Amino acid sequence: MISITQYNLDKIEDLFSQLGYRVRYEKGNFKTGACVIQNSKVIVVNKFSNLEIKINSLILILKDFEVNKDDLEEKYWLFYLTLVKPKD
């Protein structure tokens, strides 16, 4: 598990950007999720969630994606593997 820091949240946002998704923070009474809006890949995160919930929600979404090594630059691929690998 990664540490809960703004730096790691920024890295996860960059990872989604590499995958063609835009992460948006919006207010409202909803759960964080991914969707396609008018051909735009968007991840919407509740802006009032704390840092830990934001990071854990984004990691859960990432685990639902099928990502290939060719989809990412090497440094993002290695980071992706640290996020989605099962705990021993």
PDB file of N, CA and C in Angstrom:
ATOM      1  N   MET A   1       0.842  -1.185   0.000  1.00  0.00           N
ATOM      2  CA  MET A   1       0.000   0.000   0.000  1.00  0.00           C
ATOM      3  C   MET A   1       0.884   1.245   0.000  1.00  0.00           C
ATOM      4  N   ILE A   2       0.445   2.233  -0.721  1.00  0.00           N
ATOM      5  CA  ILE A   2       1.220   3.474  -0.769  1.00  0.00           C
ATOM      6  C   ILE A   2       0.820   4.382   0.389  1.00  0.00           C
ATOM      7  N   SER A   3       1.690   5.323   0.692  1.00  0.00           N
ATOM      8  CA  SER A   3       1.379   6.258   1.770  1.00  0.00           C
ATOM      9  C   SER A   3       0.334   7.270   1.275  1.00  0.00           C
ATOM     10  N   ILE A   4      -0.430   7.756   2.212  1.00  0.00           N
ATOM     11  CA  ILE A   4      -1.516   8.689   1.901  1.00  0.00           C
ATOM     12  C   ILE A   4      -0.949  10.111   1.933  1.00  0.00           C
ATOM     13  N   THR A   5      -0.513  10.575   0.768  1.00  0.00           N
ATOM     14  CA  THR A   5       0.057  11.919   0.644  1.00  0.00           C
ATOM     15  C   THR A   5      -0.491  12.584  -0.609  1.00  0.00           C
ATOM     16  N   GLN A   6      -0.449  13.903  -0.619  1.00  0.00           N
ATOM     17  CA  GLN A   6      -0.885  14.652  -1.803  1.00  0.00           C
ATOM     18  C   GLN A   6       0.000  14.302  -3.001  1.00  0.00           C
ATOM     19  N   TYR A   7       1.278  14.062  -2.750  1.00  0.00           N
ATOM     20  CA  TYR A   7       2.207  13.689  -3.821  1.00  0.00           C
ATOM     21  C   TYR A   7       1.734  12.414  -4.525  1.00  0.00           C
ATOM     22  N   ASN A   8       1.335  11.400  -3.741  1.00  0.00           N
ATOM     23  CA  ASN A   8       0.875  10.151  -4.347  1.00  0.00           C
ATOM     24  C   ASN A   8      -0.458  10.328  -5.065  1.00  0.00           C
ATOM     25  N   LEU A   9      -1.337  11.185  -4.537  1.00  0.00           N
ATOM     26  CA  LEU A   9      -2.578  11.479  -5.245  1.00  0.00           C
ATOM     27  C   LEU A   9      -2.269  12.115  -6.598  1.00  0.00           C
ATOM     28  N   ASP A  10      -1.326  13.032  -6.621  1.00  0.00           N
ATOM     29  CA  ASP A  10      -0.922  13.670  -7.877  1.00  0.00           C
ATOM     30  C   ASP A  10      -0.368  12.638  -8.858  1.00  0.00           C
ATOM     31  N   LYS A  11       0.425  11.686  -8.363  1.00  0.00           N
ATOM     32  CA  LYS A  11       0.973  10.641  -9.233  1.00  0.00           C
ATOM     33  C   LYS A  11      -0.137   9.763  -9.809  1.00  0.00           C
ATOM     34  N   ILE A  12      -1.146   9.452  -8.997  1.00  0.00           N
ATOM     35  CA  ILE A  12      -2.269   8.647  -9.492  1.00  0.00           C
ATOM     36  C   ILE A  12      -3.047   9.427 -10.555  1.00  0.00           C
ATOM     37  N   GLU A  13      -3.240  10.716 -10.333  1.00  0.00           N
ATOM     38  CA  GLU A  13      -3.902  11.556 -11.334  1.00  0.00           C
ATOM     39  C   GLU A  13      -3.104  11.554 -12.637  1.00  0.00           C
ATOM     40  N   ASP A  14      -1.776  11.638 -12.552  1.00  0.00           N
ATOM     41  CA  ASP A  14      -0.923  11.589 -13.739  1.00  0.00           C
ATOM     42  C   ASP A  14      -1.054  10.248 -14.450  1.00  0.00           C
ATOM     43  N   LEU A  15      -1.165   9.179 -13.686  1.00  0.00           N
ATOM     44  CA  LEU A  15      -1.335   7.844 -14.261  1.00  0.00           C
ATOM     45  C   LEU A  15      -2.637   7.780 -15.063  1.00  0.00           C
ATOM     46  N   PHE A  16      -3.721   8.291 -14.497  1.00  0.00           N
ATOM     47  CA  PHE A  16      -4.990   8.319 -15.231  1.00  0.00           C
ATOM     48  C   PHE A  16      -4.878   9.178 -16.480  1.00  0.00           C
ATOM     49  N   SER A  17      -4.141  10.258 -16.388  1.00  0.00           N
ATOM     50  CA  SER A  17      -3.925  11.108 -17.554  1.00  0.00           C
ATOM     51  C   SER A  17      -3.219  10.338 -18.666  1.00  0.00           C
ATOM     52  N   GLN A  18      -2.239   9.537 -18.297  1.00  0.00           N
ATOM     53  CA  GLN A  18      -1.537   8.698 -19.271  1.00  0.00           C
ATOM     54  C   GLN A  18      -2.489   7.708 -19.944  1.00  0.00           C
ATOM     55  N   LEU A  19      -3.522   7.304 -19.219  1.00  0.00           N
ATOM     56  CA  LEU A  19      -4.512   6.359 -19.749  1.00  0.00           C
ATOM     57  C   LEU A  19      -5.625   7.067 -20.521  1.00  0.00           C
ATOM     58  N   GLY A  20      -5.543   8.391 -20.600  1.00  0.00           N
ATOM     59  CA  GLY A  20      -6.525   9.148 -21.360  1.00  0.00           C
ATOM     60  C   GLY A  20      -7.726   9.612 -20.562  1.00  0.00           C
ATOM     61  N   TYR A  21      -7.663   9.532 -19.243  1.00  0.00           N
ATOM     62  CA  TYR A  21      -8.752   9.962 -18.377  1.00  0.00           C
ATOM     63  C   TYR A  21      -8.427  11.286 -17.714  1.00  0.00           C
ATOM     64  N   ARG A  22      -9.452  12.077 -17.497  1.00  0.00           N
ATOM     65  CA  ARG A  22      -9.315  13.322 -16.765  1.00  0.00           C
ATOM     66  C   ARG A  22      -9.970  13.140 -15.398  1.00  0.00           C
ATOM     67  N   VAL A  23      -9.265  13.484 -14.344  1.00  0.00           N
ATOM     68  CA  VAL A  23      -9.800  13.385 -12.990  1.00  0.00           C
ATOM     69  C   VAL A  23     -10.362  14.748 -12.608  1.00  0.00           C
ATOM     70  N   ARG A  24     -11.655  14.739 -12.230  1.00  0.00           N
ATOM     71  CA  ARG A  24     -12.325  15.977 -11.817  1.00  0.00           C
ATOM     72  C   ARG A  24     -12.798  15.832 -10.381  1.00  0.00           C
ATOM     73  N   TYR A  25     -12.739  16.921  -9.646  1.00  0.00           N
ATOM     74  CA  TYR A  25     -13.219  16.966  -8.264  1.00  0.00           C
ATOM     75  C   TYR A  25     -14.453  17.850  -8.231  1.00  0.00           C
ATOM     76  N   GLU A  26     -15.575  17.244  -7.874  1.00  0.00           N
ATOM     77  CA  GLU A  26     -16.849  17.949  -7.859  1.00  0.00           C
ATOM     78  C   GLU A  26     -17.529  17.762  -6.508  1.00  0.00           C
ATOM     79  N   LYS A  27     -18.367  18.705  -6.143  1.00  0.00           N
ATOM     80  CA  LYS A  27     -19.116  18.561  -4.904  1.00  0.00           C
ATOM     81  C   LYS A  27     -20.456  17.899  -5.203  1.00  0.00           C
ATOM     82  N   GLY A  28     -20.955  17.187  -4.217  1.00  0.00           N
ATOM     83  CA  GLY A  28     -22.242  16.530  -4.384  1.00  0.00           C
ATOM     84  C   GLY A  28     -22.348  15.307  -3.508  1.00  0.00           C
ATOM     85  N   ASN A  29     -23.494  14.693  -3.553  1.00  0.00           N
ATOM     86  CA  ASN A  29     -23.761  13.496  -2.767  1.00  0.00           C
ATOM     87  C   ASN A  29     -23.694  12.287  -3.703  1.00  0.00           C
ATOM     88  N   PHE A  30     -22.492  11.824  -3.991  1.00  0.00           N
ATOM     89  CA  PHE A  30     -22.302  10.712  -4.915  1.00  0.00           C
ATOM     90  C   PHE A  30     -21.045   9.954  -4.546  1.00  0.00           C
ATOM     91  N   LYS A  31     -20.916   8.756  -5.125  1.00  0.00           N
ATOM     92  CA  LYS A  31     -19.702   7.973  -4.952  1.00  0.00           C
ATOM     93  C   LYS A  31     -18.774   8.271  -6.121  1.00  0.00           C
ATOM     94  N   THR A  32     -17.493   8.194  -5.869  1.00  0.00           N
ATOM     95  CA  THR A  32     -16.491   8.402  -6.901  1.00  0.00           C
ATOM     96  C   THR A  32     -16.634   7.332  -7.968  1.00  0.00           C
ATOM     97  N   GLY A  33     -16.435   7.712  -9.251  1.00  0.00           N
ATOM     98  CA  GLY A  33     -16.548   6.728 -10.309  1.00  0.00           C
ATOM     99  C   GLY A  33     -15.993   7.226 -11.621  1.00  0.00           C
ATOM    100  N   ALA A  34     -15.879   6.295 -12.577  1.00  0.00           N
ATOM    101  CA  ALA A  34     -15.389   6.612 -13.909  1.00  0.00           C
ATOM    102  C   ALA A  34     -16.554   6.565 -14.883  1.00  0.00           C
ATOM    103  N   CYS A  35     -16.511   7.425 -15.895  1.00  0.00           N
ATOM    104  CA  CYS A  35     -17.560   7.403 -16.907  1.00  0.00           C
ATOM    105  C   CYS A  35     -17.037   8.046 -18.184  1.00  0.00           C
ATOM    106  N   VAL A  36     -17.821   7.911 -19.239  1.00  0.00           N
ATOM    107  CA  VAL A  36     -17.510   8.568 -20.499  1.00  0.00           C
ATOM    108  C   VAL A  36     -18.630   9.567 -20.760  1.00  0.00           C
ATOM    109  N   ILE A  37     -18.266  10.836 -20.863  1.00  0.00           N
ATOM    110  CA  ILE A  37     -19.233  11.898 -21.113  1.00  0.00           C
ATOM    111  C   ILE A  37     -18.901  12.522 -22.456  1.00  0.00           C
ATOM    112  N   GLN A  38     -19.800  12.359 -23.413  1.00  0.00           N
ATOM    113  CA  GLN A  38     -19.606  12.893 -24.758  1.00  0.00           C
ATOM    114  C   GLN A  38     -18.205  12.598 -25.281  1.00  0.00           C
ATOM    115  N   ASN A  39     -17.855  11.336 -25.284  1.00  0.00           N
ATOM    116  CA  ASN A  39     -16.571  10.832 -25.787  1.00  0.00           C
ATOM    117  C   ASN A  39     -15.363  11.285 -24.971  1.00  0.00           C
ATOM    118  N   SER A  40     -15.573  11.844 -23.790  1.00  0.00           N
ATOM    119  CA  SER A  40     -14.473  12.219 -22.910  1.00  0.00           C
ATOM    120  C   SER A  40     -14.419  11.242 -21.748  1.00  0.00           C
ATOM    121  N   LYS A  41     -13.252  10.702 -21.504  1.00  0.00           N
ATOM    122  CA  LYS A  41     -13.069   9.792 -20.377  1.00  0.00           C
ATOM    123  C   LYS A  41     -12.851  10.629 -19.124  1.00  0.00           C
ATOM    124  N   VAL A  42     -13.740  10.460 -18.149  1.00  0.00           N
ATOM    125  CA  VAL A  42     -13.709  11.290 -16.960  1.00  0.00           C
ATOM    126  C   VAL A  42     -13.832  10.417 -15.717  1.00  0.00           C
ATOM    127  N   ILE A  43     -13.056  10.762 -14.707  1.00  0.00           N
ATOM    128  CA  ILE A  43     -13.200  10.178 -13.376  1.00  0.00           C
ATOM    129  C   ILE A  43     -13.671  11.318 -12.487  1.00  0.00           C
ATOM    130  N   VAL A  44     -14.798  11.131 -11.833  1.00  0.00           N
ATOM    131  CA  VAL A  44     -15.335  12.178 -10.968  1.00  0.00           C
ATOM    132  C   VAL A  44     -15.151  11.741  -9.521  1.00  0.00           C
ATOM    133  N   VAL A  45     -14.519  12.608  -8.750  1.00  0.00           N
ATOM    134  CA  VAL A  45     -14.213  12.345  -7.349  1.00  0.00           C
ATOM    135  C   VAL A  45     -14.942  13.383  -6.509  1.00  0.00           C
ATOM    136  N   ASN A  46     -15.540  12.940  -5.404  1.00  0.00           N
ATOM    137  CA  ASN A  46     -16.198  13.871  -4.499  1.00  0.00           C
ATOM    138  C   ASN A  46     -15.124  14.738  -3.834  1.00  0.00           C
ATOM    139  N   LYS A  47     -15.189  16.032  -4.068  1.00  0.00           N
ATOM    140  CA  LYS A  47     -14.143  16.936  -3.572  1.00  0.00           C
ATOM    141  C   LYS A  47     -14.126  17.052  -2.054  1.00  0.00           C
ATOM    142  N   PHE A  48     -15.217  16.645  -1.386  1.00  0.00           N
ATOM    143  CA  PHE A  48     -15.265  16.735   0.069  1.00  0.00           C
ATOM    144  C   PHE A  48     -14.739  15.481   0.756  1.00  0.00           C
ATOM    145  N   SER A  49     -14.367  14.469  -0.022  1.00  0.00           N
ATOM    146  CA  SER A  49     -13.765  13.265   0.566  1.00  0.00           C
ATOM    147  C   SER A  49     -12.377  13.611   1.090  1.00  0.00           C
ATOM    148  N   ASN A  50     -11.949  12.894   2.131  1.00  0.00           N
ATOM    149  CA  ASN A  50     -10.598  13.144   2.628  1.00  0.00           C
ATOM    150  C   ASN A  50      -9.574  12.493   1.701  1.00  0.00           C
ATOM    151  N   LEU A  51      -8.322  12.803   1.919  1.00  0.00           N
ATOM    152  CA  LEU A  51      -7.236  12.349   1.041  1.00  0.00           C
ATOM    153  C   LEU A  51      -7.190  10.826   0.932  1.00  0.00           C
ATOM    154  N   GLU A  52      -7.361  10.131   2.039  1.00  0.00           N
ATOM    155  CA  GLU A  52      -7.309   8.670   2.028  1.00  0.00           C
ATOM    156  C   GLU A  52      -8.422   8.083   1.169  1.00  0.00           C
ATOM    157  N   ILE A  53      -9.620   8.604   1.292  1.00  0.00           N
ATOM    158  CA  ILE A  53     -10.739   8.099   0.489  1.00  0.00           C
ATOM    159  C   ILE A  53     -10.517   8.393  -0.990  1.00  0.00           C
ATOM    160  N   LYS A  54     -10.005   9.575  -1.309  1.00  0.00           N
ATOM    161  CA  LYS A  54      -9.726   9.915  -2.702  1.00  0.00           C
ATOM    162  C   LYS A  54      -8.729   8.921  -3.302  1.00  0.00           C
ATOM    163  N   ILE A  55      -7.627   8.670  -2.595  1.00  0.00           N
ATOM    164  CA  ILE A  55      -6.592   7.766  -3.103  1.00  0.00           C
ATOM    165  C   ILE A  55      -7.131   6.348  -3.224  1.00  0.00           C
ATOM    166  N   ASN A  56      -7.791   5.858  -2.185  1.00  0.00           N
ATOM    167  CA  ASN A  56      -8.305   4.487  -2.222  1.00  0.00           C
ATOM    168  C   ASN A  56      -9.376   4.307  -3.297  1.00  0.00           C
ATOM    169  N   SER A  57     -10.220   5.308  -3.497  1.00  0.00           N
ATOM    170  CA  SER A  57     -11.245   5.238  -4.545  1.00  0.00           C
ATOM    171  C   SER A  57     -10.617   5.167  -5.929  1.00  0.00           C
ATOM    172  N   LEU A  58      -9.599   5.988  -6.156  1.00  0.00           N
ATOM    173  CA  LEU A  58      -8.937   5.980  -7.456  1.00  0.00           C
ATOM    174  C   LEU A  58      -8.203   4.658  -7.710  1.00  0.00           C
ATOM    175  N   ILE A  59      -7.623   4.092  -6.669  1.00  0.00           N
ATOM    176  CA  ILE A  59      -6.949   2.793  -6.824  1.00  0.00           C
ATOM    177  C   ILE A  59      -7.968   1.708  -7.149  1.00  0.00           C
ATOM    178  N   LEU A  60      -9.123   1.734  -6.495  1.00  0.00           N
ATOM    179  CA  LEU A  60     -10.166   0.746  -6.796  1.00  0.00           C
ATOM    180  C   LEU A  60     -10.641   0.857  -8.239  1.00  0.00           C
ATOM    181  N   ILE A  61     -10.801   2.074  -8.724  1.00  0.00           N
ATOM    182  CA  ILE A  61     -11.179   2.272 -10.123  1.00  0.00           C
ATOM    183  C   ILE A  61     -10.093   1.729 -11.037  1.00  0.00           C
ATOM    184  N   LEU A  62      -8.855   2.013 -10.708  1.00  0.00           N
ATOM    185  CA  LEU A  62      -7.727   1.560 -11.517  1.00  0.00           C
ATOM    186  C   LEU A  62      -7.681   0.044 -11.612  1.00  0.00           C
ATOM    187  N   LYS A  63      -8.027  -0.636 -10.530  1.00  0.00           N
ATOM    188  CA  LYS A  63      -8.017  -2.105 -10.533  1.00  0.00           C
ATOM    189  C   LYS A  63      -9.070  -2.682 -11.464  1.00  0.00           C
ATOM    190  N   ASP A  64     -10.113  -1.912 -11.778  1.00  0.00           N
ATOM    191  CA  ASP A  64     -11.146  -2.377 -12.704  1.00  0.00           C
ATOM    192  C   ASP A  64     -10.733  -2.225 -14.167  1.00  0.00           C
ATOM    193  N   PHE A  65      -9.722  -1.431 -14.432  1.00  0.00           N
ATOM    194  CA  PHE A  65      -9.264  -1.197 -15.796  1.00  0.00           C
ATOM    195  C   PHE A  65      -8.365  -2.344 -16.258  1.00  0.00           C
ATOM    196  N   GLU A  66      -8.395  -2.611 -17.543  1.00  0.00           N
ATOM    197  CA  GLU A  66      -7.432  -3.535 -18.138  1.00  0.00           C
ATOM    198  C   GLU A  66      -6.339  -2.682 -18.769  1.00  0.00           C
ATOM    199  N   VAL A  67      -5.175  -2.691 -18.137  1.00  0.00           N
ATOM    200  CA  VAL A  67      -4.064  -1.849 -18.575  1.00  0.00           C
ATOM    201  C   VAL A  67      -2.939  -2.750 -19.059  1.00  0.00           C
ATOM    202  N   ASN A  68      -2.408  -2.435 -20.236  1.00  0.00           N
ATOM    203  CA  ASN A  68      -1.267  -3.159 -20.789  1.00  0.00           C
ATOM    204  C   ASN A  68      -0.018  -2.312 -20.625  1.00  0.00           C
ATOM    205  N   LYS A  69       1.103  -2.988 -20.596  1.00  0.00           N
ATOM    206  CA  LYS A  69       2.382  -2.288 -20.454  1.00  0.00           C
ATOM    207  C   LYS A  69       2.575  -1.260 -21.564  1.00  0.00           C
ATOM    208  N   ASP A  70       2.069  -1.565 -22.754  1.00  0.00           N
ATOM    209  CA  ASP A  70       2.224  -0.658 -23.893  1.00  0.00           C
ATOM    210  C   ASP A  70       1.404   0.625 -23.745  1.00  0.00           C
ATOM    211  N   ASP A  71       0.433   0.623 -22.826  1.00  0.00           N
ATOM    212  CA  ASP A  71      -0.421   1.789 -22.630  1.00  0.00           C
ATOM    213  C   ASP A  71       0.274   2.910 -21.863  1.00  0.00           C
ATOM    214  N   LEU A  72       1.367   2.586 -21.174  1.00  0.00           N
ATOM    215  CA  LEU A  72       1.993   3.531 -20.259  1.00  0.00           C
ATOM    216  C   LEU A  72       3.487   3.657 -20.486  1.00  0.00           C
ATOM    217  N   GLU A  73       4.027   4.814 -20.105  1.00  0.00           N
ATOM    218  CA  GLU A  73       5.478   4.959 -20.047  1.00  0.00           C
ATOM    219  C   GLU A  73       5.993   4.051 -18.934  1.00  0.00           C
ATOM    220  N   GLU A  74       7.264   3.705 -18.982  1.00  0.00           N
ATOM    221  CA  GLU A  74       7.848   2.747 -18.040  1.00  0.00           C
ATOM    222  C   GLU A  74       7.633   3.143 -16.576  1.00  0.00           C
ATOM    223  N   LYS A  75       7.900   4.420 -16.248  1.00  0.00           N
ATOM    224  CA  LYS A  75       7.775   4.828 -14.849  1.00  0.00           C
ATOM    225  C   LYS A  75       6.327   4.731 -14.371  1.00  0.00           C
ATOM    226  N   TYR A  76       5.366   5.014 -15.252  1.00  0.00           N
ATOM    227  CA  TYR A  76       3.958   4.885 -14.875  1.00  0.00           C
ATOM    228  C   TYR A  76       3.543   3.426 -14.768  1.00  0.00           C
ATOM    229  N   TRP A  77       4.110   2.576 -15.625  1.00  0.00           N
ATOM    230  CA  TRP A  77       3.817   1.143 -15.554  1.00  0.00           C
ATOM    231  C   TRP A  77       4.271   0.565 -14.208  1.00  0.00           C
ATOM    232  N   LEU A  78       5.476   0.938 -13.777  1.00  0.00           N
ATOM    233  CA  LEU A  78       5.985   0.438 -12.498  1.00  0.00           C
ATOM    234  C   LEU A  78       5.129   0.943 -11.336  1.00  0.00           C
ATOM    235  N   PHE A  79       4.706   2.198 -11.399  1.00  0.00           N
ATOM    236  CA  PHE A  79       3.839   2.745 -10.368  1.00  0.00           C
ATOM    237  C   PHE A  79       2.484   2.029 -10.370  1.00  0.00           C
ATOM    238  N   TYR A  80       1.951   1.796 -11.556  1.00  0.00           N
ATOM    239  CA  TYR A  80       0.690   1.064 -11.703  1.00  0.00           C
ATOM    240  C   TYR A  80       0.788  -0.307 -11.030  1.00  0.00           C
ATOM    241  N   LEU A  81       1.889  -1.012 -11.257  1.00  0.00           N
ATOM    242  CA  LEU A  81       2.057  -2.337 -10.665  1.00  0.00           C
ATOM    243  C   LEU A  81       2.083  -2.278  -9.140  1.00  0.00           C
ATOM    244  N   THR A  82       2.680  -1.216  -8.581  1.00  0.00           N
ATOM    245  CA  THR A  82       2.705  -1.106  -7.115  1.00  0.00           C
ATOM    246  C   THR A  82       1.298  -0.848  -6.559  1.00  0.00           C
ATOM    247  N   LEU A  83       0.439  -0.230  -7.354  1.00  0.00           N
ATOM    248  CA  LEU A  83      -0.917   0.066  -6.892  1.00  0.00           C
ATOM    249  C   LEU A  83      -1.861  -1.128  -6.963  1.00  0.00           C
ATOM    250  N   VAL A  84      -1.697  -1.950  -7.997  1.00  0.00           N
ATOM    251  CA  VAL A  84      -2.688  -3.004  -8.239  1.00  0.00           C
ATOM    252  C   VAL A  84      -2.223  -4.400  -7.842  1.00  0.00           C
ATOM    253  N   LYS A  85      -0.957  -4.549  -7.486  1.00  0.00           N
ATOM    254  CA  LYS A  85      -0.491  -5.893  -7.136  1.00  0.00           C
ATOM    255  C   LYS A  85      -1.167  -6.362  -5.851  1.00  0.00           C
ATOM    256  N   PRO A  86      -1.492  -7.640  -5.773  1.00  0.00           N
ATOM    257  CA  PRO A  86      -2.128  -8.154  -4.552  1.00  0.00           C
ATOM    258  C   PRO A  86      -1.164  -8.143  -3.389  1.00  0.00           C
ATOM    259  N   LYS A  87      -1.712  -7.939  -2.201  1.00  0.00           N
ATOM    260  CA  LYS A  87      -0.880  -7.971  -0.991  1.00  0.00           C
ATOM    261  C   LYS A  87      -0.519  -9.413  -0.676  1.00  0.00           C
ATOM    262  N   ASP A  88       0.709  -9.614  -0.203  1.00  0.00           N
ATOM    263  CA  ASP A  88       1.160 -10.971   0.178  1.00  0.00           C
ATOM    264  C   ASP A  88       0.871 -11.255   1.620  1.00  0.00           C
TER     265      ASP A  88
END
